[in-house]
């Protein structure tokens, strides 16, 4: 029986070879049920050192990110007000609210039979577009503050994967 890190490496490799993503998701759940993302990051580091191209690894990330997203959705992160991570989390929440608002207004506009009658919706969409342009600053701060901090602690692969996006 290998370590969790070895099991994670094996599962990522199986995904690369065409393993069913739904089965992989269930396998990931059982492997990481009582561990954190740090072991996954170490497994990714080793795979890249062993020759798996980052671009290929990036395509395989969707499965394990979905599992971590489910786990993190259940956890409550408490960061002091004013802390840089708290600020980034709040900005991220706002971006998600604009995404939700855009989905609603786009659905409303698409439901109208006459596009000449979507002036109100277009005003809202233009306002949201302005906020999305401003959101670029959020992602730059995230990359320039969090990624170096993560890398400083010896985890270079997660930021490398995020830089690809």
C-alpha atoms as a PDB file:
ATOM      1  CA  UNK A   1       0.000   0.000   0.000  1.00  0.00           C
ATOM      2  CA  UNK A   2       1.577   3.295  -1.078  1.00  0.00           C
ATOM      3  CA  UNK A   3       1.424   6.665   0.564  1.00  0.00           C
ATOM      4  CA  UNK A   4      -1.397   9.049  -0.241  1.00  0.00           C
ATOM      5  CA  UNK A   5       1.028  11.063  -2.323  1.00  0.00           C
ATOM      6  CA  UNK A   6       1.910   7.961  -4.367  1.00  0.00           C
ATOM      7  CA  UNK A   7      -1.780   7.112  -4.775  1.00  0.00           C
ATOM      8  CA  UNK A   8      -2.472  10.668  -5.948  1.00  0.00           C
ATOM      9  CA  UNK A   9       0.389  10.472  -8.443  1.00  0.00           C
ATOM     10  CA  UNK A  10      -0.939   7.127  -9.713  1.00  0.00           C
ATOM     11  CA  UNK A  11      -4.455   8.519 -10.109  1.00  0.00           C
ATOM     12  CA  UNK A  12      -3.260  11.617 -11.982  1.00  0.00           C
ATOM     13  CA  UNK A  13      -1.249   9.339 -14.280  1.00  0.00           C
ATOM     14  CA  UNK A  14      -4.307   7.101 -14.853  1.00  0.00           C
ATOM     15  CA  UNK A  15      -6.334  10.187 -15.785  1.00  0.00           C
ATOM     16  CA  UNK A  16      -3.660  11.086 -18.313  1.00  0.00           C
ATOM     17  CA  UNK A  17      -4.052   7.593 -19.766  1.00  0.00           C
ATOM     18  CA  UNK A  18      -7.830   8.007 -20.211  1.00  0.00           C
ATOM     19  CA  UNK A  19      -9.278   6.842 -16.895  1.00  0.00           C
ATOM     20  CA  UNK A  20     -12.938   7.820 -16.412  1.00  0.00           C
ATOM     21  CA  UNK A  21     -13.054  11.281 -14.736  1.00  0.00           C
ATOM     22  CA  UNK A  22     -16.156  10.394 -12.693  1.00  0.00           C
ATOM     23  CA  UNK A  23     -14.454   7.307 -11.274  1.00  0.00           C
ATOM     24  CA  UNK A  24     -11.322   9.363 -10.669  1.00  0.00           C
ATOM     25  CA  UNK A  25     -13.348  11.919  -8.745  1.00  0.00           C
ATOM     26  CA  UNK A  26     -14.644   9.192  -6.422  1.00  0.00           C
ATOM     27  CA  UNK A  27     -11.126   7.790  -6.041  1.00  0.00           C
ATOM     28  CA  UNK A  28      -9.803  11.268  -5.189  1.00  0.00           C
ATOM     29  CA  UNK A  29     -12.497  11.657  -2.550  1.00  0.00           C
ATOM     30  CA  UNK A  30     -11.456   8.478  -0.786  1.00  0.00           C
ATOM     31  CA  UNK A  31      -7.740   9.294  -0.983  1.00  0.00           C
ATOM     32  CA  UNK A  32      -7.962  12.884   0.241  1.00  0.00           C
ATOM     33  CA  UNK A  33     -10.830  12.572   2.697  1.00  0.00           C
ATOM     34  CA  UNK A  34      -8.548  13.312   5.636  1.00  0.00           C
ATOM     35  CA  UNK A  35      -5.729  15.247   4.018  1.00  0.00           C
ATOM     36  CA  UNK A  36      -5.127  18.666   2.556  1.00  0.00           C
ATOM     37  CA  UNK A  37      -4.175  20.101  -0.791  1.00  0.00           C
ATOM     38  CA  UNK A  38      -0.496  20.189   0.210  1.00  0.00           C
ATOM     39  CA  UNK A  39      -0.051  16.458  -0.486  1.00  0.00           C
ATOM     40  CA  UNK A  40      -1.659  16.882  -3.890  1.00  0.00           C
ATOM     41  CA  UNK A  41       0.670  19.793  -4.616  1.00  0.00           C
ATOM     42  CA  UNK A  42       3.679  17.627  -3.706  1.00  0.00           C
ATOM     43  CA  UNK A  43       2.425  14.839  -5.976  1.00  0.00           C
ATOM     44  CA  UNK A  44       2.043  17.341  -8.825  1.00  0.00           C
ATOM     45  CA  UNK A  45       5.577  18.621  -8.179  1.00  0.00           C
ATOM     46  CA  UNK A  46       6.954  15.085  -8.491  1.00  0.00           C
ATOM     47  CA  UNK A  47       5.005  14.352 -11.679  1.00  0.00           C
ATOM     48  CA  UNK A  48       6.418  17.462 -13.347  1.00  0.00           C
ATOM     49  CA  UNK A  49       9.941  16.560 -12.180  1.00  0.00           C
ATOM     50  CA  UNK A  50       9.372  13.088 -13.659  1.00  0.00           C
ATOM     51  CA  UNK A  51       8.518  14.597 -17.044  1.00  0.00           C
ATOM     52  CA  UNK A  52       4.751  15.165 -17.152  1.00  0.00           C
ATOM     53  CA  UNK A  53       4.312  18.466 -19.035  1.00  0.00           C
ATOM     54  CA  UNK A  54       2.648  21.214 -16.987  1.00  0.00           C
ATOM     55  CA  UNK A  55       0.104  21.836 -19.737  1.00  0.00           C
ATOM     56  CA  UNK A  56      -1.004  18.197 -19.572  1.00  0.00           C
ATOM     57  CA  UNK A  57      -1.152  18.293 -15.769  1.00  0.00           C
ATOM     58  CA  UNK A  58      -3.249  21.451 -15.992  1.00  0.00           C
ATOM     59  CA  UNK A  59      -5.863  19.605 -18.054  1.00  0.00           C
ATOM     60  CA  UNK A  60      -6.058  16.886 -15.403  1.00  0.00           C
ATOM     61  CA  UNK A  61      -6.600  19.349 -12.568  1.00  0.00           C
ATOM     62  CA  UNK A  62     -10.347  19.741 -13.145  1.00  0.00           C
ATOM     63  CA  UNK A  63     -11.146  16.437 -11.458  1.00  0.00           C
ATOM     64  CA  UNK A  64      -9.229  16.965  -8.250  1.00  0.00           C
ATOM     65  CA  UNK A  65     -10.153  20.648  -8.098  1.00  0.00           C
ATOM     66  CA  UNK A  66     -13.832  19.665  -8.185  1.00  0.00           C
ATOM     67  CA  UNK A  67     -13.265  17.416  -5.171  1.00  0.00           C
ATOM     68  CA  UNK A  68     -11.394  20.110  -3.241  1.00  0.00           C
ATOM     69  CA  UNK A  69     -14.068  22.631  -4.158  1.00  0.00           C
ATOM     70  CA  UNK A  70     -16.705  20.383  -2.588  1.00  0.00           C
ATOM     71  CA  UNK A  71     -14.590  19.987   0.547  1.00  0.00           C
ATOM     72  CA  UNK A  72     -13.778  23.677   0.794  1.00  0.00           C
ATOM     73  CA  UNK A  73     -17.414  24.576   0.235  1.00  0.00           C
ATOM     74  CA  UNK A  74     -18.191  22.773   3.468  1.00  0.00           C
ATOM     75  CA  UNK A  75     -15.371  24.437   5.415  1.00  0.00           C
ATOM     76  CA  UNK A  76     -15.574  27.931   6.819  1.00  0.00           C
ATOM     77  CA  UNK A  77     -12.388  29.936   6.406  1.00  0.00           C
ATOM     78  CA  UNK A  78     -11.912  32.561   9.081  1.00  0.00           C
ATOM     79  CA  UNK A  79      -9.467  35.316   8.234  1.00  0.00           C
ATOM     80  CA  UNK A  80      -9.251  38.573  10.204  1.00  0.00           C
ATOM     81  CA  UNK A  81     -10.847  41.646   8.625  1.00  0.00           C
ATOM     82  CA  UNK A  82      -8.292  43.674   6.726  1.00  0.00           C
ATOM     83  CA  UNK A  83      -5.990  40.684   6.201  1.00  0.00           C
ATOM     84  CA  UNK A  84      -4.893  40.465   2.527  1.00  0.00           C
ATOM     85  CA  UNK A  85      -6.530  37.046   2.150  1.00  0.00           C
ATOM     86  CA  UNK A  86      -9.777  38.412   3.607  1.00  0.00           C
ATOM     87  CA  UNK A  87      -9.703  41.263   1.090  1.00  0.00           C
ATOM     88  CA  UNK A  88      -9.067  38.861  -1.804  1.00  0.00           C
ATOM     89  CA  UNK A  89     -11.879  36.584  -0.621  1.00  0.00           C
ATOM     90  CA  UNK A  90     -14.296  39.515  -0.451  1.00  0.00           C
ATOM     91  CA  UNK A  91     -13.275  40.707  -3.922  1.00  0.00           C
ATOM     92  CA  UNK A  92     -13.722  37.176  -5.252  1.00  0.00           C
ATOM     93  CA  UNK A  93     -17.195  36.986  -3.708  1.00  0.00           C
ATOM     94  CA  UNK A  94     -18.086  40.249  -5.467  1.00  0.00           C
ATOM     95  CA  UNK A  95     -16.843  38.936  -8.829  1.00  0.00           C
ATOM     96  CA  UNK A  96     -19.023  35.843  -8.391  1.00  0.00           C
ATOM     97  CA  UNK A  97     -22.019  38.066  -7.614  1.00  0.00           C
ATOM     98  CA  UNK A  98     -21.451  39.933 -10.893  1.00  0.00           C
ATOM     99  CA  UNK A  99     -21.250  36.606 -12.756  1.00  0.00           C
ATOM    100  CA  UNK A 100     -24.589  35.592 -11.236  1.00  0.00           C
ATOM    101  CA  UNK A 101     -26.099  38.987 -12.077  1.00  0.00           C
ATOM    102  CA  UNK A 102     -24.839  38.705 -15.672  1.00  0.00           C
ATOM    103  CA  UNK A 103     -26.394  35.249 -16.042  1.00  0.00           C
ATOM    104  CA  UNK A 104     -29.750  36.576 -14.842  1.00  0.00           C
ATOM    105  CA  UNK A 105     -29.775  39.666 -17.060  1.00  0.00           C
ATOM    106  CA  UNK A 106     -28.583  37.686 -20.104  1.00  0.00           C
ATOM    107  CA  UNK A 107     -31.384  35.162 -19.566  1.00  0.00           C
ATOM    108  CA  UNK A 108     -33.885  38.013 -19.248  1.00  0.00           C
ATOM    109  CA  UNK A 109     -32.595  39.668 -22.435  1.00  0.00           C
ATOM    110  CA  UNK A 110     -32.606  36.393 -24.376  1.00  0.00           C
ATOM    111  CA  UNK A 111     -36.229  35.766 -23.369  1.00  0.00           C
ATOM    112  CA  UNK A 112     -37.360  38.974 -25.078  1.00  0.00           C
ATOM    113  CA  UNK A 113     -38.517  38.459 -28.615  1.00  0.00           C
ATOM    114  CA  UNK A 114     -37.488  41.911 -29.797  1.00  0.00           C
ATOM    115  CA  UNK A 115     -33.848  42.830 -29.197  1.00  0.00           C
ATOM    116  CA  UNK A 116     -34.748  46.478 -29.724  1.00  0.00           C
ATOM    117  CA  UNK A 117     -36.411  46.255 -26.305  1.00  0.00           C
ATOM    118  CA  UNK A 118     -33.398  45.230 -24.245  1.00  0.00           C
ATOM    119  CA  UNK A 119     -32.017  48.701 -23.525  1.00  0.00           C
ATOM    120  CA  UNK A 120     -32.277  48.268 -19.740  1.00  0.00           C
ATOM    121  CA  UNK A 121     -30.561  44.902 -19.880  1.00  0.00           C
ATOM    122  CA  UNK A 122     -27.771  46.334 -22.051  1.00  0.00           C
ATOM    123  CA  UNK A 123     -27.160  49.097 -19.499  1.00  0.00           C
ATOM    124  CA  UNK A 124     -26.781  46.478 -16.778  1.00  0.00           C
ATOM    125  CA  UNK A 125     -24.498  44.367 -18.985  1.00  0.00           C
ATOM    126  CA  UNK A 126     -22.285  47.392 -19.712  1.00  0.00           C
ATOM    127  CA  UNK A 127     -22.066  48.129 -15.985  1.00  0.00           C
ATOM    128  CA  UNK A 128     -21.116  44.526 -15.257  1.00  0.00           C
ATOM    129  CA  UNK A 129     -18.509  44.618 -18.053  1.00  0.00           C
ATOM    130  CA  UNK A 130     -16.924  47.624 -16.331  1.00  0.00           C
ATOM    131  CA  UNK A 131     -16.719  45.641 -13.084  1.00  0.00           C
ATOM    132  CA  UNK A 132     -15.167  42.680 -14.905  1.00  0.00           C
ATOM    133  CA  UNK A 133     -12.483  44.984 -16.314  1.00  0.00           C
ATOM    134  CA  UNK A 134     -11.763  46.111 -12.755  1.00  0.00           C
ATOM    135  CA  UNK A 135     -11.656  42.462 -11.633  1.00  0.00           C
ATOM    136  CA  UNK A 136      -8.452  42.033 -13.624  1.00  0.00           C
ATOM    137  CA  UNK A 137      -6.737  44.009 -10.850  1.00  0.00           C
ATOM    138  CA  UNK A 138      -8.063  41.485  -8.324  1.00  0.00           C
ATOM    139  CA  UNK A 139      -6.529  38.576 -10.205  1.00  0.00           C
ATOM    140  CA  UNK A 140      -3.219  40.402 -10.614  1.00  0.00           C
ATOM    141  CA  UNK A 141      -3.106  41.056  -6.855  1.00  0.00           C
ATOM    142  CA  UNK A 142      -3.948  37.437  -6.223  1.00  0.00           C
ATOM    143  CA  UNK A 143      -1.145  36.267  -8.503  1.00  0.00           C
ATOM    144  CA  UNK A 144       1.402  38.758  -7.212  1.00  0.00           C
ATOM    145  CA  UNK A 145       0.628  38.318  -3.501  1.00  0.00           C
ATOM    146  CA  UNK A 146      -0.483  34.718  -3.019  1.00  0.00           C
ATOM    147  CA  UNK A 147       1.553  32.857  -5.620  1.00  0.00           C
ATOM    148  CA  UNK A 148       4.977  34.071  -4.391  1.00  0.00           C
ATOM    149  CA  UNK A 149       3.937  33.270  -0.816  1.00  0.00           C
ATOM    150  CA  UNK A 150       2.938  29.734  -1.810  1.00  0.00           C
ATOM    151  CA  UNK A 151       6.160  29.314  -3.793  1.00  0.00           C
ATOM    152  CA  UNK A 152       8.204  30.608  -0.845  1.00  0.00           C
ATOM    153  CA  UNK A 153       6.852  27.688   1.163  1.00  0.00           C
ATOM    154  CA  UNK A 154       8.162  25.174  -1.370  1.00  0.00           C
ATOM    155  CA  UNK A 155       5.010  24.568  -3.405  1.00  0.00           C
ATOM    156  CA  UNK A 156       5.832  25.709  -6.916  1.00  0.00           C
ATOM    157  CA  UNK A 157       3.459  23.557  -8.951  1.00  0.00           C
ATOM    158  CA  UNK A 158       0.063  24.983  -7.867  1.00  0.00           C
ATOM    159  CA  UNK A 159       1.112  28.544  -8.785  1.00  0.00           C
ATOM    160  CA  UNK A 160       2.682  27.259 -12.007  1.00  0.00           C
ATOM    161  CA  UNK A 161      -0.654  25.636 -12.891  1.00  0.00           C
ATOM    162  CA  UNK A 162      -2.518  28.838 -12.097  1.00  0.00           C
ATOM    163  CA  UNK A 163      -0.081  30.952 -14.140  1.00  0.00           C
ATOM    164  CA  UNK A 164      -1.016  28.777 -17.157  1.00  0.00           C
ATOM    165  CA  UNK A 165      -4.614  29.958 -16.870  1.00  0.00           C
END
